[in-house]
Each structure stands twice: as C-alpha cells, then as structure tokens.
C-alpha cells in the first residue's frame, strides 16, 4: 500500500489507502480492497435478506422507518450482524413461539434482548450436529421371538372318585 495522498483513493470500508496496482475493486461508490469489498457485498446481501424476511414474516410491503432505524442502531451501536438479527427473529417466531401482532408499534426491539440467547441456541445445535457426524445408525428391523413360559396350573383339581 502506498502512503501518498495524491491520487491514491481511500477504501470506502476500512478508510485505508488503496494501491491501484494491487488487488482492488472499483464500484460506482468508490474503491475497495478486495477483502473489504467481499465483506461489504456479503453484508449488503444479508441486509436485503433481513428486510425480505421481516416483510414476509409480518405481511408488510416495506419495513417501517422504526424498523429500519432499529436495524441501523443494532448494527452500528450494538455490533450485531444482519444475519444474526434475521436468525434471532426466526428463533423468536419458530422456537419460542412469539407472535408479533403489534410489530408496527414496537418494531424489532426484542432482537436486542434475545440475540445472545439465539446465538447460543444455534451454536449448541451446530455442536450437536458435529458430534453425530460419522455415526451410522442401523435402521434395519430385527425379528425377536419370545418363548412363552410353560405355566403349571396351581388350581386344585377335584378328584371325582374321592367324593
């Protein structure tokens, strides 16, 4: 990387100087290091998926300004990831069984409170899945034959001749 400030552009993601002779990406928004561009593009894709999931889950055409500002706040101030927010909402709906009937008034504020719990839940699922890798389960039915015991009758038989 060069340290000259002349015509060397800054990366839009990390604010570092981009050497045009090395690997870089040029977009309509500016220059990026290749690694920074990959992070930015996957982050953008995850944001689109989060918005689409919220709209599908809550029967909305587009998210409200409250939800968009909450997403921005959770991302910038709390350091949460877009995919993590999506997984948290999915966790609350599918695992916890919550219903967001008043989504327009409260937004997605619950994501902040359940983010770490969701993270732990999916880490435990992943750990359990990895522990069962390589184990083969034999589902072939086996036939078991049980032998009955011969029971002796303990009834007192009546001898007719003795009567």
Protein backbone atom coordinates (compact mmCIF):
# COMPACT_ATOMS: atom_id res chain seq x y z
CA UNK A 1 0.00 0.00 0.00
CA UNK A 2 1.14 3.46 -0.69
CA UNK A 3 1.09 6.24 1.81
CA UNK A 4 0.96 9.04 -0.73
CA UNK A 5 -2.23 11.05 -0.55
CA UNK A 6 -2.13 12.45 -4.10
CA UNK A 7 -4.34 10.50 -6.48
CA UNK A 8 -4.44 7.34 -4.37
CA UNK A 9 -8.05 6.67 -3.33
CA UNK A 10 -9.22 5.57 0.11
CA UNK A 11 -11.09 2.34 0.68
CA UNK A 12 -14.75 3.06 1.44
CA UNK A 13 -14.84 0.28 4.04
CA UNK A 14 -11.62 0.47 6.06
CA UNK A 15 -10.55 4.03 5.13
CA UNK A 16 -7.10 2.73 4.17
CA UNK A 17 -5.25 3.82 1.04
CA UNK A 18 -5.89 1.60 -1.97
CA UNK A 19 -2.96 0.83 -4.22
CA UNK A 20 -4.36 0.62 -7.75
CA UNK A 21 -1.53 -1.68 -8.82
CA UNK A 22 -2.61 -4.37 -6.36
CA UNK A 23 -5.93 -6.20 -5.99
CA UNK A 24 -8.74 -3.72 -5.70
CA UNK A 25 -12.37 -3.29 -6.70
CA UNK A 26 -13.81 -0.17 -8.26
CA UNK A 27 -17.53 0.43 -7.94
CA UNK A 28 -19.78 3.40 -8.56
CA UNK A 29 -19.35 4.31 -4.90
CA UNK A 30 -15.56 4.23 -4.92
CA UNK A 31 -12.55 1.98 -4.45
CA UNK A 32 -12.28 -1.02 -2.10
CA UNK A 33 -9.60 -3.52 -1.15
CA UNK A 34 -10.67 -6.94 -2.45
CA UNK A 35 -11.22 -8.30 1.08
CA UNK A 36 -13.16 -5.19 2.11
CA UNK A 37 -15.33 -5.46 -0.99
CA UNK A 38 -16.21 -9.09 -0.24
CA UNK A 39 -17.23 -8.14 3.30
CA UNK A 40 -19.29 -5.23 2.02
CA UNK A 41 -21.05 -7.24 -0.66
CA UNK A 42 -21.98 -10.13 1.68
CA UNK A 43 -23.11 -7.60 4.27
CA UNK A 44 -25.35 -5.95 1.68
CA UNK A 45 -26.80 -9.31 0.67
CA UNK A 46 -27.54 -10.18 4.31
CA UNK A 47 -29.26 -6.81 4.77
CA UNK A 48 -31.53 -7.50 1.78
CA UNK A 49 -32.35 -10.95 3.15
CA UNK A 50 -33.18 -9.46 6.57
CA UNK A 51 -35.52 -6.88 5.07
CA UNK A 52 -37.20 -9.52 2.88
CA UNK A 53 -37.64 -11.85 5.87
CA UNK A 54 -39.16 -9.09 8.00
CA UNK A 55 -41.57 -8.12 5.24
CA UNK A 56 -42.58 -11.74 4.63
CA UNK A 57 -42.97 -12.56 8.32
CA UNK A 58 -45.03 -9.53 9.22
CA UNK A 59 -47.05 -9.15 6.00
CA UNK A 60 -45.63 -5.74 5.09
CA UNK A 61 -44.83 -4.24 1.70
CA UNK A 62 -41.76 -2.50 3.09
CA UNK A 63 -40.37 -2.09 6.61
CA UNK A 64 -41.39 0.92 8.66
CA UNK A 65 -38.92 3.68 9.44
CA UNK A 66 -38.90 2.48 13.06
CA UNK A 67 -37.70 -0.97 11.99
CA UNK A 68 -35.07 0.46 9.62
CA UNK A 69 -33.73 2.76 12.35
CA UNK A 70 -33.69 -0.13 14.84
CA UNK A 71 -31.73 -2.28 12.38
CA UNK A 72 -29.24 0.55 11.86
CA UNK A 73 -28.92 1.09 15.62
CA UNK A 74 -28.41 -2.61 16.34
CA UNK A 75 -25.77 -2.84 13.59
CA UNK A 76 -23.78 0.29 14.40
CA UNK A 77 -24.10 0.70 18.17
CA UNK A 78 -24.59 -2.86 19.37
CA UNK A 79 -22.34 -4.53 16.76
CA UNK A 80 -24.94 -7.10 15.73
CA UNK A 81 -24.84 -8.67 12.29
CA UNK A 82 -27.70 -8.65 9.83
CA UNK A 83 -27.74 -12.44 9.56
CA UNK A 84 -27.78 -12.65 13.36
CA UNK A 85 -30.80 -10.34 13.51
CA UNK A 86 -32.61 -12.47 10.94
CA UNK A 87 -31.80 -15.66 12.83
CA UNK A 88 -32.98 -14.05 16.10
CA UNK A 89 -36.35 -13.13 14.59
CA UNK A 90 -36.64 -16.65 13.15
CA UNK A 91 -35.75 -18.09 16.58
CA UNK A 92 -38.40 -15.97 18.31
CA UNK A 93 -41.09 -16.96 15.82
CA UNK A 94 -40.28 -20.65 15.34
CA UNK A 95 -38.59 -21.82 18.55
CA UNK A 96 -40.04 -19.51 21.20
CA UNK A 97 -43.44 -19.27 19.51
CA UNK A 98 -43.76 -15.50 19.86
CA UNK A 99 -46.32 -13.63 17.82
CA UNK A 100 -45.54 -10.14 16.65
CA UNK A 101 -49.07 -8.82 16.39
CA UNK A 102 -48.07 -5.28 17.32
CA UNK A 103 -44.99 -5.06 15.10
CA UNK A 104 -45.84 -1.58 13.88
CA UNK A 105 -45.64 -0.12 17.42
CA UNK A 106 -42.69 -1.98 18.94
CA UNK A 107 -40.56 -2.80 15.91
CA UNK A 108 -37.90 -5.47 16.30
CA UNK A 109 -36.63 -4.31 19.69
CA UNK A 110 -36.81 -7.86 21.08
CA UNK A 111 -33.87 -8.79 18.86
CA UNK A 112 -31.56 -6.90 21.20
CA UNK A 113 -32.69 -8.92 24.23
CA UNK A 114 -32.64 -12.37 22.61
CA UNK A 115 -29.60 -12.02 20.33
CA UNK A 116 -27.13 -13.78 22.65
CA UNK A 117 -29.64 -16.49 23.59
CA UNK A 118 -30.25 -17.18 19.91
CA UNK A 119 -26.53 -17.28 19.22
CA UNK A 120 -26.05 -19.85 21.99
CA UNK A 121 -29.01 -21.91 20.73
CA UNK A 122 -27.63 -22.21 17.20
CA UNK A 123 -24.09 -22.87 18.48
CA UNK A 124 -25.48 -25.75 20.58
CA UNK A 125 -27.34 -27.12 17.55
CA UNK A 126 -24.18 -26.95 15.48
CA UNK A 127 -22.17 -28.65 18.22
CA UNK A 128 -24.77 -31.43 18.49
CA UNK A 129 -24.78 -31.90 14.71
CA UNK A 130 -20.99 -32.16 14.62
CA UNK A 131 -20.97 -34.69 17.46
CA UNK A 132 -23.20 -37.05 15.43
CA UNK A 133 -21.16 -36.80 12.23
CA UNK A 134 -19.67 -40.11 11.21
CA UNK A 135 -22.07 -42.15 13.33
CA UNK A 136 -24.06 -44.62 11.33
CA UNK A 137 -27.45 -45.66 12.62
CA UNK A 138 -28.69 -49.11 11.67
CA UNK A 139 -32.39 -48.82 10.96
CA UNK A 140 -32.77 -52.41 9.76
CA UNK A 141 -35.63 -54.09 11.65
CA UNK A 142 -34.78 -57.14 13.69
CA UNK A 143 -37.14 -60.01 14.41
CA UNK A 144 -37.38 -61.08 18.00
CA UNK A 145 -39.08 -64.34 19.01
CA UNK A 146 -40.24 -64.67 22.58
CA UNK A 147 -40.78 -68.06 24.10
CA UNK A 148 -43.67 -68.43 26.45
CA UNK A 149 -43.15 -69.99 29.80
CA UNK A 150 -44.99 -73.20 30.44
CA UNK A 151 -47.15 -72.46 33.40
CA UNK A 152 -48.30 -75.10 35.71
CA UNK A 153 -51.78 -74.79 36.87
CA UNK A 154 -51.97 -74.30 40.56
CA UNK A 155 -55.69 -74.93 40.70
CA UNK A 156 -56.70 -77.71 42.96
CA UNK A 157 -58.15 -80.36 40.77
CA UNK A 158 -61.05 -82.21 42.23
CA UNK A 159 -60.88 -85.94 42.07
CA UNK A 160 -64.40 -87.20 41.44
CA UNK A 161 -63.71 -90.70 42.70
CA UNK A 162 -62.84 -89.44 46.12
CA UNK A 163 -66.11 -87.75 46.52
